[in-house]
Amino acid sequence: MRTPKIPIVCRRPRVGERFRVHPGCERRAATWVAYDHDTGEPHLVAEHLWSGTAGLVPVCLRACVNDRGERFVWCIGVGPPSASYGGPNAELLLADTAERLWCTPRPVWGSFETLAPGVIPEPAWDDFDFTSALSEAFRGRVVTSASNPILVEMRRWHSASANVRS
């Protein structure tokens, strides 16, 4: 009997989940996303729409797998540090560590545990295709037109917040 294929989704590693990040620069992607204000889901934005679109968020996309073999794409915000916290990006630090060791996020923001090498076998990445994973994780959530409802709503929201500030 064949095991059903688990779809690749876009999400953060869950608290208590043991996971790894695919190592190597070819498995990273720096891009811009627009977040849906209703669902919070990221939508990939085509490069020709990056300039002049307020509200887009710079992200690094990382391919991940947990100890149950479930693969996912992690969308890590890489914008400038907030004024109240100027330290390193905790999610990027976790992702970089998870390239080498199995990691488990803890409930306290930015903290995680690592497992000693060999406790869990290394993940098998040989059949993994990053481009296909992105296509699956962002299926139906790729913005290619300035008239896309996500960008229209984002412009409306930013225009309203700019009017409130002035």
Protein backbone atom coordinates (compact mmCIF):
# COMPACT_ATOMS: atom_id res chain seq x y z
CA MET A 1 0.00 0.00 0.00
CA ARG A 2 1.34 3.39 -0.99
CA THR A 3 1.65 6.19 1.56
CA PRO A 4 -0.28 9.29 0.46
CA LYS A 5 1.89 12.28 -0.43
CA ILE A 6 1.75 15.03 2.16
CA PRO A 7 1.48 18.43 0.46
CA ILE A 8 4.26 20.96 0.95
CA VAL A 9 2.95 24.05 2.71
CA CYS A 10 4.36 27.43 3.70
CA ARG A 11 4.65 27.69 7.48
CA ARG A 12 6.99 28.24 10.42
CA PRO A 13 8.40 25.31 12.37
CA ARG A 14 6.02 24.49 15.22
CA VAL A 15 6.99 24.69 18.88
CA GLY A 16 8.26 21.26 19.90
CA GLU A 17 8.72 20.07 16.29
CA ARG A 18 12.12 18.60 15.39
CA PHE A 19 13.17 19.87 11.97
CA ARG A 20 16.07 20.49 9.61
CA VAL A 21 16.69 23.10 6.93
CA HIS A 22 18.10 22.13 3.55
CA PRO A 23 21.74 23.27 3.53
CA GLY A 24 23.27 25.37 0.81
CA CYS A 25 22.71 28.68 -0.93
CA GLU A 26 20.84 27.10 -3.84
CA ARG A 27 18.03 26.21 -1.45
CA ARG A 28 17.51 29.77 -0.22
CA ALA A 29 15.53 32.44 -1.98
CA ALA A 30 15.38 36.11 -1.10
CA THR A 31 12.23 37.75 -2.39
CA TRP A 32 9.29 39.97 -1.41
CA VAL A 33 5.88 38.89 -0.21
CA ALA A 34 2.56 40.56 0.53
CA TYR A 35 0.66 39.28 3.54
CA ASP A 36 -3.09 38.81 3.29
CA HIS A 37 -4.60 40.99 6.05
CA ASP A 38 -7.45 38.51 6.59
CA THR A 39 -5.56 35.19 6.68
CA GLY A 40 -1.98 36.27 7.40
CA GLU A 41 -0.77 34.05 4.53
CA PRO A 42 2.20 35.26 2.48
CA HIS A 43 1.77 35.72 -1.27
CA LEU A 44 4.84 35.74 -3.52
CA VAL A 45 5.09 38.96 -5.50
CA ALA A 46 6.56 39.00 -9.01
CA GLU A 47 9.76 41.01 -9.34
CA HIS A 48 8.29 43.60 -11.74
CA LEU A 49 5.91 44.68 -8.91
CA TRP A 50 8.54 45.13 -6.18
CA SER A 51 9.33 48.80 -6.72
CA GLY A 52 6.76 51.33 -5.70
CA THR A 53 4.60 48.89 -3.74
CA ALA A 54 4.48 49.95 -0.11
CA GLY A 55 3.88 47.21 2.41
CA LEU A 56 5.83 44.40 0.77
CA VAL A 57 7.98 42.40 3.18
CA PRO A 58 11.48 41.12 2.33
CA VAL A 59 11.79 37.42 3.16
CA CYS A 60 14.16 34.50 2.90
CA LEU A 61 12.53 31.22 1.88
CA ARG A 62 13.99 28.03 3.36
CA ALA A 63 13.15 24.42 2.54
CA CYS A 64 12.58 22.33 5.68
CA VAL A 65 11.69 18.80 6.75
CA ASN A 66 10.57 17.51 10.13
CA ASP A 67 11.44 14.18 11.74
CA ARG A 68 8.22 12.65 10.33
CA GLY A 69 9.30 13.45 6.77
CA GLU A 70 6.87 16.35 6.26
CA ARG A 71 8.40 19.01 4.06
CA PHE A 72 7.55 22.69 4.24
CA VAL A 73 8.78 26.10 3.14
CA TRP A 74 9.61 28.59 5.87
CA CYS A 75 9.07 32.26 5.00
CA ILE A 76 11.45 34.25 7.24
CA GLY A 77 11.07 38.04 7.39
CA VAL A 78 14.43 39.76 6.89
CA GLY A 79 13.46 43.42 7.16
CA PRO A 80 15.36 45.90 9.29
CA PRO A 81 15.32 45.19 13.04
CA SER A 82 12.61 46.96 14.98
CA ALA A 83 13.54 50.06 16.95
CA SER A 84 12.92 48.23 20.23
CA TYR A 85 15.05 45.19 19.37
CA GLY A 86 18.21 45.62 17.35
CA GLY A 87 19.69 42.14 17.84
CA PRO A 88 20.17 39.37 15.32
CA ASN A 89 17.20 37.87 13.51
CA ALA A 90 16.30 34.88 15.72
CA GLU A 91 14.54 33.01 12.89
CA LEU A 92 17.55 33.29 10.58
CA LEU A 93 19.80 32.12 13.41
CA LEU A 94 17.53 29.11 13.98
CA ALA A 95 17.40 28.35 10.24
CA ASP A 96 21.19 28.52 9.93
CA THR A 97 21.61 26.20 12.93
CA ALA A 98 18.99 23.78 11.55
CA GLU A 99 21.11 23.35 8.39
CA ARG A 100 23.62 21.42 10.53
CA LEU A 101 21.59 20.02 13.46
CA TRP A 102 18.07 18.88 14.24
CA CYS A 103 16.41 21.78 16.08
CA THR A 104 13.28 22.18 18.16
CA PRO A 105 11.73 25.65 18.66
CA ARG A 106 10.76 26.40 22.25
CA PRO A 107 7.77 28.46 23.47
CA VAL A 108 9.98 31.44 24.37
CA TRP A 109 10.43 33.59 21.24
CA GLY A 110 13.83 33.07 19.68
CA SER A 111 14.87 30.10 21.80
CA PHE A 112 15.41 26.56 20.57
CA GLU A 113 17.08 23.29 21.43
CA THR A 114 19.41 21.20 19.28
CA LEU A 115 19.87 17.44 19.19
CA ALA A 116 23.28 15.84 19.16
CA PRO A 117 24.36 14.56 15.74
CA GLY A 118 23.22 10.99 15.08
CA VAL A 119 20.24 11.01 17.47
CA ILE A 120 17.93 11.25 14.42
CA PRO A 121 19.19 10.12 11.00
CA GLU A 122 20.08 12.85 8.52
CA PRO A 123 17.19 13.79 6.21
CA ALA A 124 17.22 12.44 2.65
CA TRP A 125 17.22 15.47 0.34
CA ASP A 126 18.23 13.66 -2.87
CA ASP A 127 14.80 13.81 -4.57
CA PHE A 128 13.95 17.32 -3.35
CA ASP A 129 13.46 20.12 -5.89
CA PHE A 130 13.31 23.62 -4.37
CA THR A 131 11.47 25.22 -7.29
CA SER A 132 8.77 22.54 -7.21
CA ALA A 133 8.47 22.96 -3.44
CA LEU A 134 7.92 26.72 -3.84
CA SER A 135 5.33 26.14 -6.56
CA GLU A 136 3.43 23.75 -4.31
CA ALA A 137 3.75 25.83 -1.12
CA PHE A 138 2.54 29.01 -2.85
CA ARG A 139 -0.05 27.43 -5.17
CA GLY A 140 -2.71 30.07 -5.83
CA ARG A 141 -0.75 32.72 -3.91
CA VAL A 142 1.53 34.28 -6.52
CA VAL A 143 0.91 37.94 -7.33
CA THR A 144 1.71 38.79 -10.97
CA SER A 145 -0.49 41.85 -11.54
CA ALA A 146 -0.80 45.24 -9.85
CA SER A 147 -4.57 44.70 -9.89
CA ASN A 148 -4.31 41.57 -7.72
CA PRO A 149 -6.76 41.92 -4.78
CA ILE A 150 -3.97 41.42 -2.24
CA LEU A 151 -2.03 44.42 -3.61
CA VAL A 152 -5.19 46.51 -4.02
CA GLU A 153 -6.11 45.88 -0.36
CA MET A 154 -2.53 46.54 0.76
CA ARG A 155 -2.46 49.91 -1.08
CA ARG A 156 -5.84 50.84 0.42
CA TRP A 157 -4.67 49.90 3.91
CA HIS A 158 -1.38 51.81 3.57
CA SER A 159 -3.13 54.86 2.15
CA ALA A 160 -5.57 54.89 5.08
CA SER A 161 -2.78 54.50 7.65
CA ALA A 162 -0.76 57.29 5.96
CA ASN A 163 -3.80 59.60 6.23
CA VAL A 164 -4.14 58.80 9.93
CA ARG A 165 -0.46 59.65 10.56
CA SER A 166 -0.66 63.03 8.79
